[in-house]
């Protein structure tokens, strides 16, 4: 199987590296020229459990046109550039190409459908953790399941084939007939953890150890659950708030992707996480004051990167 990973950030590198190490034809695509050059010259370095794994048989490019058509595109660009990135990578798409989003936030599926068509899009959720250490070097910070599914909930041959490739590479795969529920479960985690870590600078686990941040986490998640319920999303969770707190506990030493973004003064995905909850709330007539405050505070961080050093 020929695979392209669109977005070679930390998570894109982890997935691309794991698949390349298993012998698959993998190309990482990213606009960060220094990162791409480092991989081209030295291979991709993945730090796992304190040891470096160097993957030489992986390609990296800045221009998708160098790759040609592929069997699978794994989309892991920031949600803020999904449509733009996919438009620029249409040369990857052949008659039988599938496009799998493993991104954070809401709206990515719709953006991909707009570019490549509904029949090509698969959705998924990753439970892995990753950090960017340097150009060409990432840390695999935590393992978990990769949940994938067709948008119509069917278990297609195409889905099974992709799942089989992942499993042969050592990734744990769960096939979902309720992939929107899986996406919303991941969204709840991001709603509860990401903005709070970005604002406070805390690692995930500290949020539930401090009374004040724990209360805010609970309130933000409850607001998101009310939106999900109003939209008829089956979360398949007995207690969504405790689910998010459990994830914070299990990933206690991790620095969330949004905290990494603000540390490096990059644009965050706040628009498609807490911002998406606020937007949905307006449309549904449901109040989401905590998510609005979290959204506003992260936006202030973004707007004042050059003024304030925290």
Protein backbone atom coordinates (compact mmCIF):
# COMPACT_ATOMS: atom_id res chain seq x y z
CA UNK A 1 0.00 0.00 0.00
CA UNK A 2 1.27 3.45 -0.97
CA UNK A 3 0.58 5.96 1.79
CA UNK A 4 0.91 9.73 2.06
CA UNK A 5 0.73 11.51 5.40
CA UNK A 6 -0.52 15.05 4.86
CA UNK A 7 0.87 17.01 7.77
CA UNK A 8 4.17 15.78 9.22
CA UNK A 9 3.78 17.22 12.67
CA UNK A 10 4.51 15.05 15.68
CA UNK A 11 1.48 12.79 15.18
CA UNK A 12 1.93 12.57 11.42
CA UNK A 13 5.53 11.51 11.96
CA UNK A 14 4.55 8.86 14.51
CA UNK A 15 2.01 7.27 12.17
CA UNK A 16 4.19 7.63 9.09
CA UNK A 17 7.20 6.28 10.93
CA UNK A 18 5.38 3.24 12.33
CA UNK A 19 3.98 2.38 8.89
CA UNK A 20 7.33 2.90 7.12
CA UNK A 21 9.15 0.80 9.72
CA UNK A 22 6.73 -2.03 8.88
CA UNK A 23 7.83 -1.82 5.24
CA UNK A 24 5.08 0.26 3.68
CA UNK A 25 5.75 2.93 1.04
CA UNK A 26 5.23 6.13 3.06
CA UNK A 27 5.77 9.78 2.17
CA UNK A 28 5.47 12.60 4.69
CA UNK A 29 4.22 15.90 3.27
CA UNK A 30 4.73 19.16 5.11
CA UNK A 31 5.35 22.85 4.42
CA UNK A 32 8.10 23.03 7.08
CA UNK A 33 11.14 22.88 4.81
CA UNK A 34 13.73 22.51 7.60
CA UNK A 35 11.86 19.51 9.02
CA UNK A 36 11.50 17.86 5.60
CA UNK A 37 15.19 18.42 4.81
CA UNK A 38 16.25 16.86 8.14
CA UNK A 39 14.20 13.73 7.39
CA UNK A 40 15.57 13.53 3.85
CA UNK A 41 19.16 13.77 5.09
CA UNK A 42 19.08 11.83 8.36
CA UNK A 43 15.89 9.76 8.31
CA UNK A 44 13.00 10.23 10.74
CA UNK A 45 14.02 9.93 14.39
CA UNK A 46 11.32 8.75 16.81
CA UNK A 47 12.15 8.82 20.51
CA UNK A 48 10.24 6.14 22.40
CA UNK A 49 10.78 5.18 26.03
CA UNK A 50 14.03 7.13 26.07
CA UNK A 51 15.54 5.46 23.00
CA UNK A 52 15.84 6.81 19.46
CA UNK A 53 14.57 4.79 16.50
CA UNK A 54 15.91 6.00 13.15
CA UNK A 55 13.68 5.25 10.17
CA UNK A 56 15.57 5.58 6.90
CA UNK A 57 13.02 4.13 4.44
CA UNK A 58 10.62 7.06 4.69
CA UNK A 59 10.29 9.87 2.17
CA UNK A 60 9.54 13.51 2.93
CA UNK A 61 8.55 16.31 0.56
CA UNK A 62 7.11 19.81 0.67
CA UNK A 63 5.30 19.46 -2.68
CA UNK A 64 2.58 16.78 -2.93
CA UNK A 65 2.99 16.71 -6.72
CA UNK A 66 6.28 14.85 -6.24
CA UNK A 67 4.41 11.88 -4.77
CA UNK A 68 1.84 10.93 -7.41
CA UNK A 69 -1.37 9.04 -6.69
CA UNK A 70 -1.54 6.99 -3.49
CA UNK A 71 -3.82 4.36 -1.98
CA UNK A 72 -4.29 6.15 1.33
CA UNK A 73 -3.94 9.74 2.48
CA UNK A 74 -3.76 10.16 6.26
CA UNK A 75 -4.68 13.76 7.06
CA UNK A 76 -3.00 15.17 10.15
CA UNK A 77 -2.58 18.85 9.31
CA UNK A 78 -3.90 21.40 11.77
CA UNK A 79 -7.67 21.69 11.41
CA UNK A 80 -7.29 25.38 10.57
CA UNK A 81 -5.73 24.49 7.19
CA UNK A 82 -7.55 21.27 6.27
CA UNK A 83 -9.29 22.52 3.13
CA UNK A 84 -6.29 24.49 1.89
CA UNK A 85 -3.92 21.55 2.43
CA UNK A 86 -6.20 19.03 0.72
CA UNK A 87 -6.79 21.34 -2.24
CA UNK A 88 -3.03 21.59 -2.66
CA UNK A 89 -2.66 17.82 -2.50
CA UNK A 90 -5.34 16.75 -4.99
CA UNK A 91 -2.60 15.18 -7.12
CA UNK A 92 -2.49 12.38 -4.51
CA UNK A 93 -6.05 11.34 -5.29
CA UNK A 94 -6.71 8.50 -7.72
CA UNK A 95 -9.84 6.55 -8.55
CA UNK A 96 -9.53 4.25 -5.51
CA UNK A 97 -7.74 6.54 -3.04
CA UNK A 98 -9.20 6.79 0.46
CA UNK A 99 -8.68 9.83 2.67
CA UNK A 100 -8.55 9.23 6.44
CA UNK A 101 -8.72 12.14 8.88
CA UNK A 102 -7.27 11.55 12.34
CA UNK A 103 -7.42 15.25 13.22
CA UNK A 104 -8.73 17.07 16.25
CA UNK A 105 -11.88 19.15 16.31
CA UNK A 106 -15.08 19.53 14.31
CA UNK A 107 -15.48 20.35 10.62
CA UNK A 108 -12.61 18.40 9.07
CA UNK A 109 -14.86 15.77 7.51
CA UNK A 110 -17.00 18.40 5.81
CA UNK A 111 -13.91 20.23 4.50
CA UNK A 112 -12.44 17.03 3.05
CA UNK A 113 -15.75 16.03 1.45
CA UNK A 114 -15.85 19.43 -0.24
CA UNK A 115 -12.48 18.74 -1.89
CA UNK A 116 -12.44 14.99 -2.64
CA UNK A 117 -16.05 13.81 -2.35
CA UNK A 118 -17.92 11.95 0.39
CA UNK A 119 -17.23 8.46 -1.00
CA UNK A 120 -13.48 8.83 -0.43
CA UNK A 121 -13.51 10.10 3.15
CA UNK A 122 -12.98 7.96 6.25
CA UNK A 123 -12.95 9.33 9.77
CA UNK A 124 -10.97 8.28 12.77
CA UNK A 125 -9.57 9.12 16.17
CA UNK A 126 -6.11 8.52 17.53
CA UNK A 127 -5.36 7.90 21.19
CA UNK A 128 -1.60 8.17 20.69
CA UNK A 129 0.43 11.02 22.14
CA UNK A 130 3.31 12.76 20.39
CA UNK A 131 5.63 15.75 20.79
CA UNK A 132 7.85 17.53 18.29
CA UNK A 133 11.40 17.63 19.66
CA UNK A 134 13.33 19.15 16.75
CA UNK A 135 13.28 19.14 12.95
CA UNK A 136 13.24 15.47 11.93
CA UNK A 137 12.86 14.24 15.52
CA UNK A 138 9.66 13.47 17.45
CA UNK A 139 8.69 11.75 20.67
CA UNK A 140 6.08 9.00 20.77
CA UNK A 141 4.68 10.01 24.13
CA UNK A 142 1.88 7.48 24.55
CA UNK A 143 0.13 4.62 22.82
CA UNK A 144 -3.54 3.78 22.45
CA UNK A 145 -6.17 2.73 19.94
CA UNK A 146 -6.73 4.05 16.44
CA UNK A 147 -10.49 4.13 15.88
CA UNK A 148 -11.58 4.22 12.24
CA UNK A 149 -14.91 4.05 10.47
CA UNK A 150 -16.91 4.74 7.34
CA UNK A 151 -19.19 7.75 7.58
CA UNK A 152 -22.23 5.51 6.99
CA UNK A 153 -21.17 3.11 9.75
CA UNK A 154 -20.64 0.16 7.42
CA UNK A 155 -17.64 -2.15 7.70
CA UNK A 156 -16.40 -1.95 4.11
CA UNK A 157 -13.65 -4.00 2.48
CA UNK A 158 -11.67 -0.80 1.99
CA UNK A 159 -11.89 -0.02 5.70
CA UNK A 160 -10.81 -3.56 6.62
CA UNK A 161 -7.84 -3.34 4.26
CA UNK A 162 -6.62 -0.10 5.82
CA UNK A 163 -7.17 -1.49 9.30
CA UNK A 164 -5.18 -4.60 8.38
CA UNK A 165 -2.25 -2.45 7.20
CA UNK A 166 -2.30 -0.57 10.51
CA UNK A 167 -2.49 -3.80 12.52
CA UNK A 168 0.42 -5.36 10.62
CA UNK A 169 2.45 -2.29 11.55
CA UNK A 170 1.67 -2.87 15.22
CA UNK A 171 -1.09 -0.28 15.66
CA UNK A 172 -4.15 -1.27 17.70
CA UNK A 173 -7.23 -0.73 15.54
CA UNK A 174 -10.89 -0.48 16.52
CA UNK A 175 -13.52 -0.45 13.77
CA UNK A 176 -16.44 1.82 14.64
CA UNK A 177 -20.00 1.86 13.32
CA UNK A 178 -20.45 5.13 15.21
CA UNK A 179 -17.42 7.13 14.17
CA UNK A 180 -19.15 10.45 14.89
CA UNK A 181 -19.58 9.30 18.47
CA UNK A 182 -15.86 8.53 18.59
CA UNK A 183 -15.00 11.96 17.17
CA UNK A 184 -17.18 13.66 19.78
CA UNK A 185 -15.60 11.61 22.60
CA UNK A 186 -12.19 12.88 21.47
CA UNK A 187 -13.64 16.39 21.16
CA UNK A 188 -14.82 16.26 24.79
CA UNK A 189 -11.28 15.39 25.87
CA UNK A 190 -9.86 18.28 23.87
CA UNK A 191 -12.55 20.66 25.16
CA UNK A 192 -11.74 19.78 28.76
CA UNK A 193 -7.95 19.65 28.56
CA UNK A 194 -6.42 21.64 25.71
CA UNK A 195 -7.49 25.23 26.35
CA UNK A 196 -6.92 24.97 30.09
CA UNK A 197 -3.38 23.69 29.60
CA UNK A 198 -2.68 26.39 27.00
CA UNK A 199 -3.89 29.13 29.36
CA UNK A 200 -2.22 27.84 32.53
CA UNK A 201 0.89 26.13 31.14
CA UNK A 202 0.06 23.02 33.16
CA UNK A 203 0.54 19.42 32.06
CA UNK A 204 -2.62 17.37 31.62
CA UNK A 205 -2.60 15.62 34.99
CA UNK A 206 -2.34 18.79 37.06
CA UNK A 207 -5.73 19.98 35.78
CA UNK A 208 -7.58 17.42 37.89
CA UNK A 209 -5.31 17.87 40.91
CA UNK A 210 -6.15 21.55 41.33
CA UNK A 211 -9.68 22.34 42.49
CA UNK A 212 -10.07 25.40 40.28
CA UNK A 213 -8.97 23.85 36.98
CA UNK A 214 -10.83 20.63 37.74
CA UNK A 215 -14.03 22.62 38.20
CA UNK A 216 -13.51 24.47 34.91
CA UNK A 217 -12.77 21.19 33.10
CA UNK A 218 -15.99 19.67 34.42
CA UNK A 219 -18.07 22.69 33.44
CA UNK A 220 -16.60 22.94 29.93
CA UNK A 221 -17.21 19.24 29.28
CA UNK A 222 -20.78 19.39 30.59
CA UNK A 223 -21.52 22.21 28.14
CA UNK A 224 -20.11 20.15 25.26
CA UNK A 225 -22.16 17.14 26.32
CA UNK A 226 -25.32 19.24 26.22
CA UNK A 227 -24.48 20.17 22.61
CA UNK A 228 -23.79 16.54 21.67
CA UNK A 229 -27.09 15.42 23.21
CA UNK A 230 -29.00 18.13 21.34
CA UNK A 231 -27.43 16.96 18.07
CA UNK A 232 -28.35 13.34 18.74
CA UNK A 233 -24.73 12.16 19.06
CA UNK A 234 -24.39 8.81 20.82
CA UNK A 235 -21.30 9.32 22.98
CA UNK A 236 -21.39 5.73 24.31
CA UNK A 237 -20.13 6.99 27.67
CA UNK A 238 -21.72 6.36 31.06
CA UNK A 239 -20.05 9.46 32.54
CA UNK A 240 -18.44 11.82 29.99
CA UNK A 241 -16.89 14.09 32.61
CA UNK A 242 -15.16 11.20 34.38
CA UNK A 243 -14.01 9.90 30.99
CA UNK A 244 -12.19 13.19 30.33
CA UNK A 245 -10.75 13.24 33.85
CA UNK A 246 -9.51 9.66 33.36
CA UNK A 247 -7.76 10.69 30.13
CA UNK A 248 -6.15 13.65 31.91
CA UNK A 249 -4.96 11.27 34.62
CA UNK A 250 -3.61 8.65 32.16
CA UNK A 251 -1.79 11.32 30.11
CA UNK A 252 -0.76 13.20 33.23
CA UNK A 253 2.80 14.03 32.16
CA UNK A 254 1.84 15.04 28.62
CA UNK A 255 1.81 18.61 27.33
CA UNK A 256 -1.30 19.00 25.18
CA UNK A 257 -0.96 19.92 21.51
CA UNK A 258 -2.49 23.32 22.26
CA UNK A 259 0.01 24.00 25.03
CA UNK A 260 2.79 23.07 22.59
CA UNK A 261 1.30 25.49 20.06
CA UNK A 262 1.17 28.48 22.41
CA UNK A 263 4.65 27.69 23.75
CA UNK A 264 5.95 27.91 20.18
CA UNK A 265 3.69 30.91 19.42
CA UNK A 266 1.74 29.08 16.72
CA UNK A 267 -1.89 29.33 15.75
CA UNK A 268 -3.92 26.85 17.80
CA UNK A 269 -6.96 24.73 16.96
CA UNK A 270 -9.17 26.59 19.45
CA UNK A 271 -11.63 27.49 16.67
CA UNK A 272 -12.54 23.85 16.01
CA UNK A 273 -12.54 22.74 19.65
CA UNK A 274 -13.98 25.13 22.28
CA UNK A 275 -14.85 27.56 19.50
CA UNK A 276 -16.88 24.87 17.75
CA UNK A 277 -18.86 24.23 20.95
CA UNK A 278 -19.63 27.94 21.24
CA UNK A 279 -20.69 28.12 17.59
CA UNK A 280 -22.92 25.05 17.89
CA UNK A 281 -24.41 26.48 21.07
CA UNK A 282 -25.40 29.70 19.31
CA UNK A 283 -27.07 27.73 16.52
CA UNK A 284 -28.91 25.48 18.98
CA UNK A 285 -29.80 28.17 21.52
CA UNK A 286 -27.69 26.51 24.24
CA UNK A 287 -25.55 28.65 26.54
CA UNK A 288 -21.83 27.73 26.69
CA UNK A 289 -20.26 30.45 28.90
CA UNK A 290 -17.24 28.47 30.13
CA UNK A 291 -16.24 27.42 26.63
CA UNK A 292 -16.66 31.04 25.49
CA UNK A 293 -14.29 32.26 28.20
CA UNK A 294 -11.73 29.55 27.40
CA UNK A 295 -12.01 30.36 23.70
CA UNK A 296 -11.54 34.08 24.31
CA UNK A 297 -8.53 33.60 26.58
CA UNK A 298 -6.70 31.37 24.08
CA UNK A 299 -7.47 33.84 21.29
CA UNK A 300 -5.95 36.60 23.44
CA UNK A 301 -2.83 34.44 23.90
CA UNK A 302 -2.58 34.06 20.12
CA UNK A 303 -3.04 37.78 19.48
CA UNK A 304 -0.43 38.84 22.02
CA UNK A 305 2.42 36.41 21.35
CA UNK A 306 4.73 39.32 20.54
CA UNK A 307 3.66 41.30 23.61
CA UNK A 308 3.64 38.78 26.43
CA UNK A 309 6.10 36.04 27.37
CA UNK A 310 4.65 33.43 29.71
